[in-house]
Amino acid sequence: MADKLASLEARIREMVELIQTLKRENAGLKSDLRAARERLVRQQTSGDQWVTERADIKTRIEKVMSELDSLEFVESVQGEE
């Protein structure tokens, strides 16, 4: 009977240690997940900014190209006169 009780106590101690280890690992994983989510949000924000900047640059280039086209048209009209 004493051997069974000692065996049970040993198993309970092992289980307690395992639970403590799992709780520490869980806390570490939660922290890692939180950090990964924060990085993802920053990357998405950065990507959105890049898309906005790209659209702005495209609009500006199209405007300049339009101005160049109108300049060439004016020059060709003046050359015909």
PDB file of N, CA and C in Angstrom:
ATOM      1  N   MET A   1       0.806  -1.199   0.000  1.00  0.00           N
ATOM      2  CA  MET A   1       0.000   0.000   0.000  1.00  0.00           C
ATOM      3  C   MET A   1       0.849   1.263   0.000  1.00  0.00           C
ATOM      4  N   ALA A   2       1.917   1.277   0.807  1.00  0.00           N
ATOM      5  CA  ALA A   2       2.801   2.440   0.873  1.00  0.00           C
ATOM      6  C   ALA A   2       3.501   2.642  -0.461  1.00  0.00           C
ATOM      7  N   ASP A   3       3.848   1.525  -1.137  1.00  0.00           N
ATOM      8  CA  ASP A   3       4.499   1.629  -2.448  1.00  0.00           C
ATOM      9  C   ASP A   3       3.551   2.253  -3.478  1.00  0.00           C
ATOM     10  N   LYS A   4       2.297   1.854  -3.422  1.00  0.00           N
ATOM     11  CA  LYS A   4       1.313   2.402  -4.351  1.00  0.00           C
ATOM     12  C   LYS A   4       1.115   3.888  -4.107  1.00  0.00           C
ATOM     13  N   LEU A   5       1.105   4.282  -2.839  1.00  0.00           N
ATOM     14  CA  LEU A   5       0.935   5.685  -2.493  1.00  0.00           C
ATOM     15  C   LEU A   5       2.149   6.502  -2.950  1.00  0.00           C
ATOM     16  N   ALA A   6       3.343   5.951  -2.738  1.00  0.00           N
ATOM     17  CA  ALA A   6       4.565   6.626  -3.174  1.00  0.00           C
ATOM     18  C   ALA A   6       4.579   6.750  -4.692  1.00  0.00           C
ATOM     19  N   SER A   7       4.147   5.717  -5.382  1.00  0.00           N
ATOM     20  CA  SER A   7       4.086   5.742  -6.851  1.00  0.00           C
ATOM     21  C   SER A   7       3.083   6.792  -7.324  1.00  0.00           C
ATOM     22  N   LEU A   8       1.960   6.848  -6.658  1.00  0.00           N
ATOM     23  CA  LEU A   8       0.940   7.839  -7.009  1.00  0.00           C
ATOM     24  C   LEU A   8       1.460   9.256  -6.781  1.00  0.00           C
ATOM     25  N   GLU A   9       2.131   9.468  -5.644  1.00  0.00           N
ATOM     26  CA  GLU A   9       2.716  10.785  -5.357  1.00  0.00           C
ATOM     27  C   GLU A   9       3.733  11.176  -6.422  1.00  0.00           C
ATOM     28  N   ALA A  10       4.562  10.238  -6.823  1.00  0.00           N
ATOM     29  CA  ALA A  10       5.576  10.514  -7.842  1.00  0.00           C
ATOM     30  C   ALA A  10       4.914  10.888  -9.168  1.00  0.00           C
ATOM     31  N   ARG A  11       3.875  10.171  -9.530  1.00  0.00           N
ATOM     32  CA  ARG A  11       3.161  10.461 -10.776  1.00  0.00           C
ATOM     33  C   ARG A  11       2.482  11.833 -10.714  1.00  0.00           C
ATOM     34  N   ILE A  12       1.936  12.146  -9.549  1.00  0.00           N
ATOM     35  CA  ILE A  12       1.295  13.459  -9.385  1.00  0.00           C
ATOM     36  C   ILE A  12       2.339  14.570  -9.522  1.00  0.00           C
ATOM     37  N   ARG A  13       3.504  14.404  -8.908  1.00  0.00           N
ATOM     38  CA  ARG A  13       4.581  15.398  -9.029  1.00  0.00           C
ATOM     39  C   ARG A  13       4.999  15.567 -10.494  1.00  0.00           C
ATOM     40  N   GLU A  14       5.115  14.457 -11.209  1.00  0.00           N
ATOM     41  CA  GLU A  14       5.474  14.516 -12.628  1.00  0.00           C
ATOM     42  C   GLU A  14       4.414  15.281 -13.420  1.00  0.00           C
ATOM     43  N   MET A  15       3.154  15.008 -13.097  1.00  0.00           N
ATOM     44  CA  MET A  15       2.061  15.697 -13.788  1.00  0.00           C
ATOM     45  C   MET A  15       2.081  17.191 -13.480  1.00  0.00           C
ATOM     46  N   VAL A  16       2.348  17.548 -12.231  1.00  0.00           N
ATOM     47  CA  VAL A  16       2.415  18.960 -11.852  1.00  0.00           C
ATOM     48  C   VAL A  16       3.560  19.638 -12.608  1.00  0.00           C
ATOM     49  N   GLU A  17       4.707  18.981 -12.668  1.00  0.00           N
ATOM     50  CA  GLU A  17       5.847  19.540 -13.409  1.00  0.00           C
ATOM     51  C   GLU A  17       5.510  19.683 -14.891  1.00  0.00           C
ATOM     52  N   LEU A  18       4.852  18.683 -15.447  1.00  0.00           N
ATOM     53  CA  LEU A  18       4.456  18.743 -16.853  1.00  0.00           C
ATOM     54  C   LEU A  18       3.487  19.905 -17.096  1.00  0.00           C
ATOM     55  N   ILE A  19       2.529  20.058 -16.198  1.00  0.00           N
ATOM     56  CA  ILE A  19       1.561  21.152 -16.337  1.00  0.00           C
ATOM     57  C   ILE A  19       2.272  22.495 -16.254  1.00  0.00           C
ATOM     58  N   GLN A  20       3.196  22.652 -15.339  1.00  0.00           N
ATOM     59  CA  GLN A  20       3.946  23.903 -15.213  1.00  0.00           C
ATOM     60  C   GLN A  20       4.759  24.170 -16.483  1.00  0.00           C
ATOM     61  N   THR A  21       5.395  23.132 -17.003  1.00  0.00           N
ATOM     62  CA  THR A  21       6.163  23.276 -18.246  1.00  0.00           C
ATOM     63  C   THR A  21       5.255  23.686 -19.394  1.00  0.00           C
ATOM     64  N   LEU A  22       4.112  23.050 -19.504  1.00  0.00           N
ATOM     65  CA  LEU A  22       3.168  23.375 -20.575  1.00  0.00           C
ATOM     66  C   LEU A  22       2.635  24.801 -20.436  1.00  0.00           C
ATOM     67  N   LYS A  23       2.391  25.239 -19.208  1.00  0.00           N
ATOM     68  CA  LYS A  23       1.934  26.615 -18.999  1.00  0.00           C
ATOM     69  C   LYS A  23       2.992  27.620 -19.435  1.00  0.00           C
ATOM     70  N   ARG A  24       4.269  27.339 -19.120  1.00  0.00           N
ATOM     71  CA  ARG A  24       5.362  28.238 -19.544  1.00  0.00           C
ATOM     72  C   ARG A  24       5.469  28.259 -21.063  1.00  0.00           C
ATOM     73  N   GLU A  25       5.395  27.085 -21.675  1.00  0.00           N
ATOM     74  CA  GLU A  25       5.456  27.015 -23.135  1.00  0.00           C
ATOM     75  C   GLU A  25       4.268  27.748 -23.766  1.00  0.00           C
ATOM     76  N   ASN A  26       3.097  27.584 -23.175  1.00  0.00           N
ATOM     77  CA  ASN A  26       1.899  28.243 -23.670  1.00  0.00           C
ATOM     78  C   ASN A  26       2.063  29.768 -23.598  1.00  0.00           C
ATOM     79  N   ALA A  27       2.580  30.246 -22.480  1.00  0.00           N
ATOM     80  CA  ALA A  27       2.800  31.687 -22.330  1.00  0.00           C
ATOM     81  C   ALA A  27       3.792  32.182 -23.384  1.00  0.00           C
ATOM     82  N   GLY A  28       4.847  31.412 -23.618  1.00  0.00           N
ATOM     83  CA  GLY A  28       5.825  31.784 -24.642  1.00  0.00           C
ATOM     84  C   GLY A  28       5.211  31.794 -26.030  1.00  0.00           C
ATOM     85  N   LEU A  29       4.395  30.803 -26.324  1.00  0.00           N
ATOM     86  CA  LEU A  29       3.732  30.742 -27.635  1.00  0.00           C
ATOM     87  C   LEU A  29       2.747  31.883 -27.816  1.00  0.00           C
ATOM     88  N   LYS A  30       2.023  32.237 -26.750  1.00  0.00           N
ATOM     89  CA  LYS A  30       1.113  33.378 -26.830  1.00  0.00           C
ATOM     90  C   LYS A  30       1.875  34.664 -27.120  1.00  0.00           C
ATOM     91  N   SER A  31       3.005  34.807 -26.468  1.00  0.00           N
ATOM     92  CA  SER A  31       3.840  35.990 -26.692  1.00  0.00           C
ATOM     93  C   SER A  31       4.352  36.021 -28.135  1.00  0.00           C
ATOM     94  N   ASP A  32       4.807  34.877 -28.625  1.00  0.00           N
ATOM     95  CA  ASP A  32       5.279  34.792 -30.012  1.00  0.00           C
ATOM     96  C   ASP A  32       4.160  35.115 -30.997  1.00  0.00           C
ATOM     97  N   LEU A  33       2.973  34.599 -30.718  1.00  0.00           N
ATOM     98  CA  LEU A  33       1.824  34.847 -31.589  1.00  0.00           C
ATOM     99  C   LEU A  33       1.461  36.327 -31.587  1.00  0.00           C
ATOM    100  N   ARG A  34       1.463  36.941 -30.427  1.00  0.00           N
ATOM    101  CA  ARG A  34       1.159  38.371 -30.317  1.00  0.00           C
ATOM    102  C   ARG A  34       2.166  39.182 -31.135  1.00  0.00           C
ATOM    103  N   ALA A  35       3.443  38.844 -31.010  1.00  0.00           N
ATOM    104  CA  ALA A  35       4.486  39.559 -31.752  1.00  0.00           C
ATOM    105  C   ALA A  35       4.319  39.349 -33.260  1.00  0.00           C
ATOM    106  N   ALA A  36       3.980  38.127 -33.657  1.00  0.00           N
ATOM    107  CA  ALA A  36       3.781  37.839 -35.087  1.00  0.00           C
ATOM    108  C   ALA A  36       2.590  38.622 -35.631  1.00  0.00           C
ATOM    109  N   ARG A  37       1.534  38.714 -34.855  1.00  0.00           N
ATOM    110  CA  ARG A  37       0.353  39.483 -35.289  1.00  0.00           C
ATOM    111  C   ARG A  37       0.696  40.959 -35.431  1.00  0.00           C
ATOM    112  N   GLU A  38       1.476  41.473 -34.497  1.00  0.00           N
ATOM    113  CA  GLU A  38       1.884  42.880 -34.573  1.00  0.00           C
ATOM    114  C   GLU A  38       2.738  43.125 -35.820  1.00  0.00           C
ATOM    115  N   ARG A  39       3.646  42.196 -36.116  1.00  0.00           N
ATOM    116  CA  ARG A  39       4.468  42.329 -37.330  1.00  0.00           C
ATOM    117  C   ARG A  39       3.596  42.297 -38.574  1.00  0.00           C
ATOM    118  N   LEU A  40       2.609  41.409 -38.573  1.00  0.00           N
ATOM    119  CA  LEU A  40       1.703  41.303 -39.715  1.00  0.00           C
ATOM    120  C   LEU A  40       0.945  42.602 -39.925  1.00  0.00           C
ATOM    121  N   VAL A  41       0.458  43.197 -38.858  1.00  0.00           N
ATOM    122  CA  VAL A  41      -0.268  44.467 -38.972  1.00  0.00           C
ATOM    123  C   VAL A  41       0.651  45.536 -39.534  1.00  0.00           C
ATOM    124  N   ARG A  42       1.895  45.592 -39.034  1.00  0.00           N
ATOM    125  CA  ARG A  42       2.857  46.589 -39.550  1.00  0.00           C
ATOM    126  C   ARG A  42       3.141  46.351 -41.024  1.00  0.00           C
ATOM    127  N   GLN A  43       3.293  45.097 -41.421  1.00  0.00           N
ATOM    128  CA  GLN A  43       3.569  44.792 -42.821  1.00  0.00           C
ATOM    129  C   GLN A  43       2.375  45.135 -43.702  1.00  0.00           C
ATOM    130  N   GLN A  44       1.172  44.854 -43.220  1.00  0.00           N
ATOM    131  CA  GLN A  44      -0.018  45.196 -43.996  1.00  0.00           C
ATOM    132  C   GLN A  44      -0.139  46.706 -44.151  1.00  0.00           C
ATOM    133  N   THR A  45       0.140  47.437 -43.079  1.00  0.00           N
ATOM    134  CA  THR A  45       0.098  48.891 -43.137  1.00  0.00           C
ATOM    135  C   THR A  45       1.138  49.404 -44.117  1.00  0.00           C
ATOM    136  N   SER A  46       2.322  48.824 -44.050  1.00  0.00           N
ATOM    137  CA  SER A  46       3.392  49.219 -44.969  1.00  0.00           C
ATOM    138  C   SER A  46       2.997  48.905 -46.408  1.00  0.00           C
ATOM    139  N   GLY A  47       2.384  47.748 -46.618  1.00  0.00           N
ATOM    140  CA  GLY A  47       1.933  47.372 -47.965  1.00  0.00           C
ATOM    141  C   GLY A  47       0.859  48.310 -48.477  1.00  0.00           C
ATOM    142  N   ASP A  48      -0.062  48.688 -47.599  1.00  0.00           N
ATOM    143  CA  ASP A  48      -1.110  49.630 -47.993  1.00  0.00           C
ATOM    144  C   ASP A  48      -0.502  50.979 -48.368  1.00  0.00           C
ATOM    145  N   GLN A  49       0.483  51.418 -47.595  1.00  0.00           N
ATOM    146  CA  GLN A  49       1.153  52.688 -47.900  1.00  0.00           C
ATOM    147  C   GLN A  49       1.857  52.594 -49.247  1.00  0.00           C
ATOM    148  N   TRP A  50       2.472  51.433 -49.520  1.00  0.00           N
ATOM    149  CA  TRP A  50       3.171  51.249 -50.787  1.00  0.00           C
ATOM    150  C   TRP A  50       2.184  51.337 -51.944  1.00  0.00           C
ATOM    151  N   VAL A  51       1.036  50.710 -51.807  1.00  0.00           N
ATOM    152  CA  VAL A  51       0.018  50.734 -52.857  1.00  0.00           C
ATOM    153  C   VAL A  51      -0.456  52.172 -53.079  1.00  0.00           C
ATOM    154  N   THR A  52      -0.672  52.908 -52.000  1.00  0.00           N
ATOM    155  CA  THR A  52      -1.103  54.298 -52.108  1.00  0.00           C
ATOM    156  C   THR A  52      -0.033  55.144 -52.798  1.00  0.00           C
ATOM    157  N   GLU A  53       1.220  54.971 -52.381  1.00  0.00           N
ATOM    158  CA  GLU A  53       2.316  55.721 -52.997  1.00  0.00           C
ATOM    159  C   GLU A  53       2.448  55.368 -54.478  1.00  0.00           C
ATOM    160  N   ARG A  54       2.301  54.105 -54.801  1.00  0.00           N
ATOM    161  CA  ARG A  54       2.407  53.667 -56.196  1.00  0.00           C
ATOM    162  C   ARG A  54       1.310  54.306 -57.039  1.00  0.00           C
ATOM    163  N   ALA A  55       0.103  54.341 -56.507  1.00  0.00           N
ATOM    164  CA  ALA A  55      -1.013  54.957 -57.231  1.00  0.00           C
ATOM    165  C   ALA A  55      -0.761  56.444 -57.416  1.00  0.00           C
ATOM    166  N   ASP A  56      -0.224  57.089 -56.400  1.00  0.00           N
ATOM    167  CA  ASP A  56       0.088  58.524 -56.482  1.00  0.00           C
ATOM    168  C   ASP A  56       1.151  58.779 -57.547  1.00  0.00           C
ATOM    169  N   ILE A  57       2.181  57.962 -57.554  1.00  0.00           N
ATOM    170  CA  ILE A  57       3.250  58.115 -58.550  1.00  0.00           C
ATOM    171  C   ILE A  57       2.704  57.889 -59.948  1.00  0.00           C
ATOM    172  N   LYS A  58       1.858  56.878 -60.109  1.00  0.00           N
ATOM    173  CA  LYS A  58       1.262  56.603 -61.419  1.00  0.00           C
ATOM    174  C   LYS A  58       0.450  57.794 -61.905  1.00  0.00           C
ATOM    175  N   THR A  59      -0.349  58.368 -61.005  1.00  0.00           N
ATOM    176  CA  THR A  59      -1.163  59.539 -61.362  1.00  0.00           C
ATOM    177  C   THR A  59      -0.273  60.704 -61.772  1.00  0.00           C
ATOM    178  N   ARG A  60       0.787  60.918 -61.022  1.00  0.00           N
ATOM    179  CA  ARG A  60       1.693  62.038 -61.337  1.00  0.00           C
ATOM    180  C   ARG A  60       2.391  61.825 -62.680  1.00  0.00           C
ATOM    181  N   ILE A  61       2.800  60.588 -62.948  1.00  0.00           N
ATOM    182  CA  ILE A  61       3.459  60.297 -64.233  1.00  0.00           C
ATOM    183  C   ILE A  61       2.474  60.483 -65.380  1.00  0.00           C
ATOM    184  N   GLU A  62       1.243  60.011 -65.189  1.00  0.00           N
ATOM    185  CA  GLU A  62       0.237  60.183 -66.235  1.00  0.00           C
ATOM    186  C   GLU A  62      -0.020  61.662 -66.502  1.00  0.00           C
ATOM    187  N   LYS A  63      -0.022  62.467 -65.459  1.00  0.00           N
ATOM    188  CA  LYS A  63      -0.226  63.913 -65.620  1.00  0.00           C
ATOM    189  C   LYS A  63       0.923  64.528 -66.416  1.00  0.00           C
ATOM    190  N   VAL A  64       2.142  64.158 -66.069  1.00  0.00           N
ATOM    191  CA  VAL A  64       3.308  64.678 -66.792  1.00  0.00           C
ATOM    192  C   VAL A  64       3.270  64.233 -68.251  1.00  0.00           C
ATOM    193  N   MET A  65       2.914  62.963 -68.479  1.00  0.00           N
ATOM    194  CA  MET A  65       2.839  62.461 -69.853  1.00  0.00           C
ATOM    195  C   MET A  65       1.768  63.228 -70.640  1.00  0.00           C
ATOM    196  N   SER A  66       0.656  63.517 -70.003  1.00  0.00           N
ATOM    197  CA  SER A  66      -0.406  64.278 -70.653  1.00  0.00           C
ATOM    198  C   SER A  66       0.081  65.684 -71.005  1.00  0.00           C
ATOM    199  N   GLU A  67       0.799  66.281 -70.078  1.00  0.00           N
ATOM    200  CA  GLU A  67       1.349  67.613 -70.336  1.00  0.00           C
ATOM    201  C   GLU A  67       2.344  67.573 -71.491  1.00  0.00           C
ATOM    202  N   LEU A  68       3.154  66.520 -71.546  1.00  0.00           N
ATOM    203  CA  LEU A  68       4.106  66.386 -72.657  1.00  0.00           C
ATOM    204  C   LEU A  68       3.372  66.195 -73.975  1.00  0.00           C
ATOM    205  N   ASP A  69       2.316  65.375 -73.957  1.00  0.00           N
ATOM    206  CA  ASP A  69       1.523  65.172 -75.168  1.00  0.00           C
ATOM    207  C   ASP A  69       0.910  66.475 -75.647  1.00  0.00           C
ATOM    208  N   SER A  70       0.382  67.282 -74.727  1.00  0.00           N
ATOM    209  CA  SER A  70      -0.225  68.550 -75.131  1.00  0.00           C
ATOM    210  C   SER A  70       0.842  69.509 -75.635  1.00  0.00           C
ATOM    211  N   LEU A  71       2.031  69.463 -75.076  1.00  0.00           N
ATOM    212  CA  LEU A  71       3.137  70.301 -75.530  1.00  0.00           C
ATOM    213  C   LEU A  71       3.538  69.911 -76.954  1.00  0.00           C
ATOM    214  N   GLU A  72       3.634  68.617 -77.209  1.00  0.00           N
ATOM    215  CA  GLU A  72       3.973  68.147 -78.556  1.00  0.00           C
ATOM    216  C   GLU A  72       2.889  68.540 -79.547  1.00  0.00           C
ATOM    217  N   PHE A  73       1.610  68.487 -79.134  1.00  0.00           N
ATOM    218  CA  PHE A  73       0.505  68.878 -80.009  1.00  0.00           C
ATOM    219  C   PHE A  73       0.617  70.359 -80.353  1.00  0.00           C
ATOM    220  N   VAL A  74       0.901  71.180 -79.349  1.00  0.00           N
ATOM    221  CA  VAL A  74       1.038  72.635 -79.585  1.00  0.00           C
ATOM    222  C   VAL A  74       2.200  72.884 -80.537  1.00  0.00           C
ATOM    223  N   GLU A  75       3.301  72.214 -80.360  1.00  0.00           N
ATOM    224  CA  GLU A  75       4.455  72.397 -81.229  1.00  0.00           C
ATOM    225  C   GLU A  75       4.153  71.958 -82.649  1.00  0.00           C
ATOM    226  N   SER A  76       3.414  70.859 -82.799  1.00  0.00           N
ATOM    227  CA  SER A  76       3.091  70.377 -84.155  1.00  0.00           C
ATOM    228  C   SER A  76       2.122  71.330 -84.851  1.00  0.00           C
ATOM    229  N   VAL A  77       1.187  71.912 -84.091  1.00  0.00           N
ATOM    230  CA  VAL A  77       0.247  72.883 -84.669  1.00  0.00           C
ATOM    231  C   VAL A  77       1.005  74.134 -85.077  1.00  0.00           C
ATOM    232  N   GLN A  78       1.903  74.578 -84.263  1.00  0.00           N
ATOM    233  CA  GLN A  78       2.678  75.788 -84.591  1.00  0.00           C
ATOM    234  C   GLN A  78       3.605  75.531 -85.754  1.00  0.00           C
ATOM    235  N   GLY A  79       4.077  74.347 -85.903  1.00  0.00           N
ATOM    236  CA  GLY A  79       4.959  74.003 -87.016  1.00  0.00           C
ATOM    237  C   GLY A  79       4.208  73.972 -88.336  1.00  0.00           C
ATOM    238  N   GLU A  80       2.907  73.696 -88.307  1.00  0.00           N
ATOM    239  CA  GLU A  80       2.103  73.640 -89.518  1.00  0.00           C
ATOM    240  C   GLU A  80       1.746  75.027 -90.012  1.00  0.00           C
ATOM    241  N   GLU A  81       1.817  76.010 -89.165  1.00  0.00           N
ATOM    242  CA  GLU A  81       1.419  77.355 -89.559  1.00  0.00           C
ATOM    243  C   GLU A  81       2.404  78.021 -90.432  1.00  0.00           C
TER     244      GLU A  81
END
